[in-house]
Amino acid sequence: MATIVILEHALQRDVGLPYMMHAFAGHWRRRGHRVHLHHGVEDVPAGDLAVMHVDLTVVPQAYRALAGRYARVLNAGVTDVSKSRFSRDLLDRYTDWIGPVIVKTEANYGGKPEQLLGMIAEQSGVRADFTPGPVAESYPIYASLREVPEEVWRTAGVVVERFLPERDAEDYCLRVWTFLGDRERSVRWRAADPIVKANNMTGRDLVEVPAEMRAWRQRLGFDFGKFDYVRYGERWVLLDVNRTPSYPRASSGPNPLDALSEGIESCLR
């Protein structure tokens, strides 16, 4: 059996989110692995494998340096998940695009991880090693670039993208691919709202993962994570990448995380 170390930011100790990685840790322990959940960069335990699980868009340098202490680190190279690292549909106000657009944050998950850890740092009297940016509670959609408010263009950390939705006969669709090592789950969610979320979806079905998304995974260096993407016409469009995904707590029925967690074995070979 192996010793697995989950490396998190010192401030994540007080977050309390239902991280998928924490659920995996329970499965690994039941299979006989030793799992250490470690916060901060001091007194880091030894292990056979580590997981970089810092819930910030850009991993601070002190945490990146921890990778050298282990023979294998999952997501060691995934140090920046800003939109500009992977989006091919970012626009400026002078772009020749006449279709609808959507406004997001450059930071992951609407900038909320930085906001939350920043609040914890302030309450604890700790100096943060990152700078929180703007936070988005929603993703406004505009019919054209002309309708984007001037404030958006003047706000650092806010980006504008082409809005390229996937539609079926009745609904908007979002494809969600979650993976760990050689295990994966790919689902298409459907909803009446153009911003498809777990809390507004009206149906879902399993779908194949296109080669384009597998290429993105390899290009970005992901061992574990979640990709949100759509099919727009003949294009596959990557919308979001997340190396610290959470999961909705299921009240009953089989938990797909059980099968996903077994992907750790392929990472230990």
Protein backbone atom coordinates (compact mmCIF):
# COMPACT_ATOMS: atom_id res chain seq x y z
CA MET A 1 0.00 0.00 0.00
CA ALA A 2 1.10 3.57 -0.69
CA THR A 3 1.39 6.81 1.26
CA ILE A 4 -0.46 9.65 -0.49
CA VAL A 5 -0.05 13.29 0.53
CA ILE A 6 -2.70 15.85 -0.45
CA LEU A 7 -1.05 19.29 -0.52
CA GLU A 8 -3.34 22.23 0.20
CA HIS A 9 -2.93 25.92 0.93
CA ALA A 10 -2.56 26.71 4.63
CA LEU A 11 -5.84 28.66 4.55
CA GLN A 12 -7.81 25.78 3.03
CA ARG A 13 -7.93 24.15 6.45
CA ASP A 14 -10.90 26.43 7.24
CA VAL A 15 -12.72 26.30 3.92
CA GLY A 16 -15.06 23.35 4.51
CA LEU A 17 -16.01 22.73 0.88
CA PRO A 18 -17.00 19.21 -0.27
CA TYR A 19 -13.89 18.69 -2.37
CA MET A 20 -13.95 15.63 -4.57
CA MET A 21 -10.35 14.92 -3.54
CA HIS A 22 -11.40 14.60 0.11
CA ALA A 23 -14.02 12.03 -0.83
CA PHE A 24 -11.36 10.14 -2.78
CA ALA A 25 -9.15 10.13 0.32
CA GLY A 26 -11.81 8.22 2.24
CA HIS A 27 -12.01 5.59 -0.50
CA TRP A 28 -8.22 5.25 -0.59
CA ARG A 29 -7.99 4.75 3.16
CA ARG A 30 -10.61 2.01 3.02
CA ARG A 31 -8.50 0.27 0.39
CA GLY A 32 -5.53 0.34 2.73
CA HIS A 33 -3.57 3.39 1.54
CA ARG A 34 -2.20 5.91 4.03
CA VAL A 35 -3.43 9.41 3.23
CA HIS A 36 -2.14 12.67 4.73
CA LEU A 37 -4.06 15.91 4.20
CA HIS A 38 -1.39 18.59 4.66
CA HIS A 39 -1.92 22.36 4.84
CA GLY A 40 0.90 24.82 4.23
CA VAL A 41 4.53 24.45 3.23
CA GLU A 42 6.11 23.58 6.59
CA ASP A 43 6.78 20.09 7.99
CA VAL A 44 5.56 18.41 4.83
CA PRO A 45 5.25 14.62 5.29
CA ALA A 46 7.03 12.10 3.09
CA GLY A 47 5.01 10.01 0.68
CA ASP A 48 5.02 7.83 -2.41
CA LEU A 49 2.77 10.24 -4.28
CA ALA A 50 1.47 13.77 -3.70
CA VAL A 51 -1.50 15.66 -5.11
CA MET A 52 -1.23 19.41 -5.74
CA HIS A 53 -4.62 20.53 -4.44
CA VAL A 54 -4.23 24.26 -3.84
CA ASP A 55 -7.59 25.93 -4.45
CA LEU A 56 -6.34 29.10 -6.14
CA THR A 57 -6.30 30.00 -9.82
CA VAL A 58 -2.51 30.49 -9.71
CA VAL A 59 -0.54 28.27 -7.31
CA PRO A 60 1.90 30.36 -5.22
CA GLN A 61 5.59 29.64 -5.80
CA ALA A 62 6.14 28.22 -2.30
CA TYR A 63 3.63 25.46 -3.03
CA ARG A 64 5.01 24.76 -6.50
CA ALA A 65 8.40 24.15 -4.88
CA LEU A 66 6.94 21.25 -2.86
CA ALA A 67 6.73 19.14 -6.01
CA GLY A 68 10.47 18.49 -5.86
CA ARG A 69 10.06 16.56 -2.61
CA TYR A 70 8.15 13.68 -4.17
CA ALA A 71 8.84 11.12 -6.86
CA ARG A 72 5.39 11.77 -8.37
CA VAL A 73 3.02 14.71 -7.95
CA LEU A 74 -0.40 14.74 -9.58
CA ASN A 75 -1.14 18.05 -11.33
CA ALA A 76 2.36 19.32 -10.59
CA GLY A 77 2.39 21.21 -13.87
CA VAL A 78 -1.12 22.65 -13.52
CA THR A 79 -0.07 25.85 -11.77
CA ASP A 80 -2.31 28.35 -13.58
CA VAL A 81 -5.91 27.75 -14.66
CA SER A 82 -6.70 31.32 -15.71
CA LYS A 83 -9.13 31.59 -18.64
CA SER A 84 -6.41 33.04 -20.87
CA ARG A 85 -4.35 29.84 -20.47
CA PHE A 86 -6.80 27.80 -22.52
CA SER A 87 -9.67 29.87 -23.95
CA ARG A 88 -9.52 30.42 -27.69
CA ASP A 89 -12.54 32.70 -27.69
CA LEU A 90 -11.45 35.72 -25.64
CA LEU A 91 -12.36 39.04 -27.20
CA ASP A 92 -11.36 42.65 -26.90
CA ARG A 93 -13.69 45.51 -27.66
CA TYR A 94 -12.33 45.86 -31.20
CA THR A 95 -12.66 42.19 -32.22
CA ASP A 96 -14.57 41.53 -35.44
CA TRP A 97 -17.30 39.38 -33.86
CA ILE A 98 -20.99 40.06 -34.34
CA GLY A 99 -22.49 37.28 -32.22
CA PRO A 100 -23.45 37.10 -28.53
CA VAL A 101 -20.80 37.33 -25.82
CA ILE A 102 -20.46 36.28 -22.19
CA VAL A 103 -18.60 38.02 -19.37
CA LYS A 104 -16.53 35.96 -16.92
CA THR A 105 -13.62 36.35 -14.54
CA GLU A 106 -10.08 35.50 -15.55
CA ALA A 107 -9.89 33.58 -12.27
CA ASN A 108 -11.33 30.12 -11.81
CA TYR A 109 -14.88 29.65 -10.50
CA GLY A 110 -15.82 33.31 -10.69
CA GLY A 111 -12.90 34.35 -8.47
CA LYS A 112 -14.65 32.89 -5.42
CA PRO A 113 -11.74 30.73 -4.15
CA GLU A 114 -9.50 33.81 -3.91
CA GLN A 115 -12.29 35.77 -2.24
CA LEU A 116 -12.93 33.02 0.33
CA LEU A 117 -9.28 32.41 1.20
CA GLY A 118 -8.71 36.16 1.28
CA MET A 119 -11.50 36.55 3.85
CA ILE A 120 -10.04 33.75 5.95
CA ALA A 121 -6.61 35.40 5.80
CA GLU A 122 -8.03 38.74 6.90
CA GLN A 123 -9.99 37.21 9.76
CA SER A 124 -6.94 35.24 10.88
CA GLY A 125 -4.56 38.19 10.63
CA VAL A 126 -2.45 36.29 8.12
CA ARG A 127 -0.76 37.88 5.12
CA ALA A 128 -2.09 36.27 1.94
CA ASP A 129 0.36 35.13 -0.74
CA PHE A 130 -2.15 35.91 -3.49
CA THR A 131 -4.29 38.87 -4.56
CA PRO A 132 -8.07 38.43 -4.79
CA GLY A 133 -9.64 39.88 -7.91
CA PRO A 134 -13.21 40.56 -9.03
CA VAL A 135 -15.90 38.05 -8.14
CA ALA A 136 -18.74 37.01 -10.45
CA GLU A 137 -22.03 35.82 -8.97
CA SER A 138 -23.36 35.28 -12.49
CA TYR A 139 -22.11 35.29 -16.08
CA PRO A 140 -23.94 38.04 -18.02
CA ILE A 141 -24.68 37.36 -21.68
CA TYR A 142 -24.98 40.21 -24.19
CA ALA A 143 -26.29 40.13 -27.73
CA SER A 144 -23.14 41.77 -29.06
CA LEU A 145 -19.87 43.43 -28.06
CA ARG A 146 -21.53 46.81 -28.39
CA GLU A 147 -23.80 46.03 -25.44
CA VAL A 148 -20.98 45.15 -23.04
CA PRO A 149 -20.86 47.88 -20.35
CA GLU A 150 -17.83 50.16 -20.35
CA GLU A 151 -17.09 49.11 -16.77
CA VAL A 152 -16.33 45.57 -17.96
CA TRP A 153 -13.54 46.76 -20.24
CA ARG A 154 -12.04 48.87 -17.45
CA THR A 155 -12.05 46.10 -14.82
CA ALA A 156 -8.84 44.09 -14.54
CA GLY A 157 -9.48 40.39 -14.08
CA VAL A 158 -12.70 40.35 -16.12
CA VAL A 159 -12.79 38.77 -19.59
CA VAL A 160 -15.24 38.68 -22.47
CA GLU A 161 -15.70 35.54 -24.57
CA ARG A 162 -17.73 34.52 -27.58
CA PHE A 163 -20.90 32.87 -26.30
CA LEU A 164 -20.99 29.53 -28.08
CA PRO A 165 -23.79 27.43 -26.60
CA GLU A 166 -24.65 23.83 -27.34
CA ARG A 167 -28.34 23.15 -27.96
CA ASP A 168 -30.41 20.06 -28.46
CA ALA A 169 -34.05 20.11 -29.61
CA GLU A 170 -35.27 21.89 -26.47
CA ASP A 171 -32.45 22.70 -24.05
CA TYR A 172 -29.00 24.14 -23.60
CA CYS A 173 -26.31 21.55 -22.91
CA LEU A 174 -23.06 21.39 -20.96
CA ARG A 175 -20.65 18.46 -21.04
CA VAL A 176 -18.77 17.68 -17.83
CA TRP A 177 -15.73 15.40 -17.92
CA THR A 178 -14.22 14.35 -14.60
CA PHE A 179 -11.12 12.16 -14.46
CA LEU A 180 -8.40 10.72 -12.24
CA GLY A 181 -5.61 8.76 -13.85
CA ASP A 182 -7.19 6.20 -16.16
CA ARG A 183 -10.72 6.51 -14.73
CA GLU A 184 -13.24 9.02 -16.01
CA ARG A 185 -16.87 10.05 -16.17
CA SER A 186 -18.33 12.16 -18.97
CA VAL A 187 -21.87 13.49 -18.70
CA ARG A 188 -23.98 15.91 -20.73
CA TRP A 189 -26.26 18.09 -18.62
CA ARG A 190 -29.37 19.79 -20.05
CA ALA A 191 -31.22 22.86 -18.80
CA ALA A 192 -33.58 25.55 -20.03
CA ASP A 193 -31.19 28.26 -18.84
CA PRO A 194 -28.21 29.09 -21.09
CA ILE A 195 -25.90 28.83 -18.05
CA VAL A 196 -26.20 25.14 -17.26
CA LYS A 197 -25.40 24.19 -13.67
CA ALA A 198 -25.90 21.15 -11.45
CA ASN A 199 -28.68 22.99 -9.61
CA ASN A 200 -30.74 23.84 -12.70
CA MET A 201 -30.25 20.85 -14.98
CA THR A 202 -33.36 19.00 -16.10
CA GLY A 203 -31.64 15.87 -17.40
CA ARG A 204 -28.33 14.21 -18.10
CA ASP A 205 -26.85 11.36 -20.05
CA LEU A 206 -23.46 9.73 -20.49
CA VAL A 207 -21.43 10.82 -23.52
CA GLU A 208 -18.11 9.95 -25.11
CA VAL A 209 -15.09 12.18 -24.56
CA PRO A 210 -13.87 13.71 -27.85
CA ALA A 211 -10.23 13.46 -28.86
CA GLU A 212 -9.95 17.25 -28.70
CA MET A 213 -10.64 17.26 -24.95
CA ARG A 214 -8.12 14.48 -24.36
CA ALA A 215 -5.56 16.55 -26.24
CA TRP A 216 -6.34 19.54 -24.00
CA ARG A 217 -5.87 17.38 -20.93
CA GLN A 218 -2.44 16.30 -22.12
CA ARG A 219 -1.50 19.81 -23.21
CA LEU A 220 -2.44 21.33 -19.85
CA GLY A 221 -0.87 18.51 -17.82
CA PHE A 222 -3.93 17.36 -15.87
CA ASP A 223 -3.79 14.08 -13.95
CA PHE A 224 -7.00 14.85 -12.06
CA GLY A 225 -9.71 17.42 -12.58
CA LYS A 226 -12.90 18.49 -14.28
CA PHE A 227 -13.39 20.02 -17.74
CA ASP A 228 -16.58 21.77 -18.85
CA TYR A 229 -17.05 21.91 -22.61
CA VAL A 230 -19.63 22.07 -25.38
CA ARG A 231 -20.05 21.18 -29.03
CA TYR A 232 -20.79 24.28 -31.08
CA GLY A 233 -21.42 23.40 -34.70
CA GLU A 234 -18.35 21.43 -35.76
CA ARG A 235 -16.19 22.79 -32.90
CA TRP A 236 -15.44 21.39 -29.48
CA VAL A 237 -15.14 24.35 -27.10
CA LEU A 238 -13.39 24.09 -23.72
CA LEU A 239 -15.16 26.43 -21.28
CA ASP A 240 -13.58 25.74 -17.92
CA VAL A 241 -10.86 23.65 -16.28
CA ASN A 242 -10.76 22.90 -12.57
CA ARG A 243 -8.06 21.07 -10.59
CA THR A 244 -9.93 21.25 -7.24
CA PRO A 245 -13.54 20.33 -8.12
CA SER A 246 -16.23 19.90 -5.52
CA TYR A 247 -19.11 17.49 -5.83
CA PRO A 248 -22.80 17.56 -4.86
CA ARG A 249 -23.50 15.31 -1.89
CA ALA A 250 -25.74 12.52 -3.12
CA SER A 251 -28.56 11.53 -0.80
CA SER A 252 -28.96 8.02 -2.16
CA GLY A 253 -27.94 5.68 -4.93
CA PRO A 254 -24.50 4.63 -6.18
CA ASN A 255 -21.80 7.25 -5.95
CA PRO A 256 -19.80 7.66 -9.18
CA LEU A 257 -16.85 8.85 -7.08
CA ASP A 258 -16.31 5.26 -5.95
CA ALA A 259 -15.24 4.25 -9.46
CA LEU A 260 -13.34 7.47 -10.15
CA SER A 261 -11.29 7.11 -6.96
CA GLU A 262 -9.83 3.84 -8.28
CA GLY A 263 -7.89 5.86 -10.84
CA ILE A 264 -5.25 6.44 -8.18
CA GLU A 265 -3.96 2.93 -8.79
CA SER A 266 -2.89 3.83 -12.33
CA CYS A 267 -1.00 6.83 -10.89
CA LEU A 268 0.90 4.63 -8.45
CA ARG A 269 2.25 2.18 -11.03
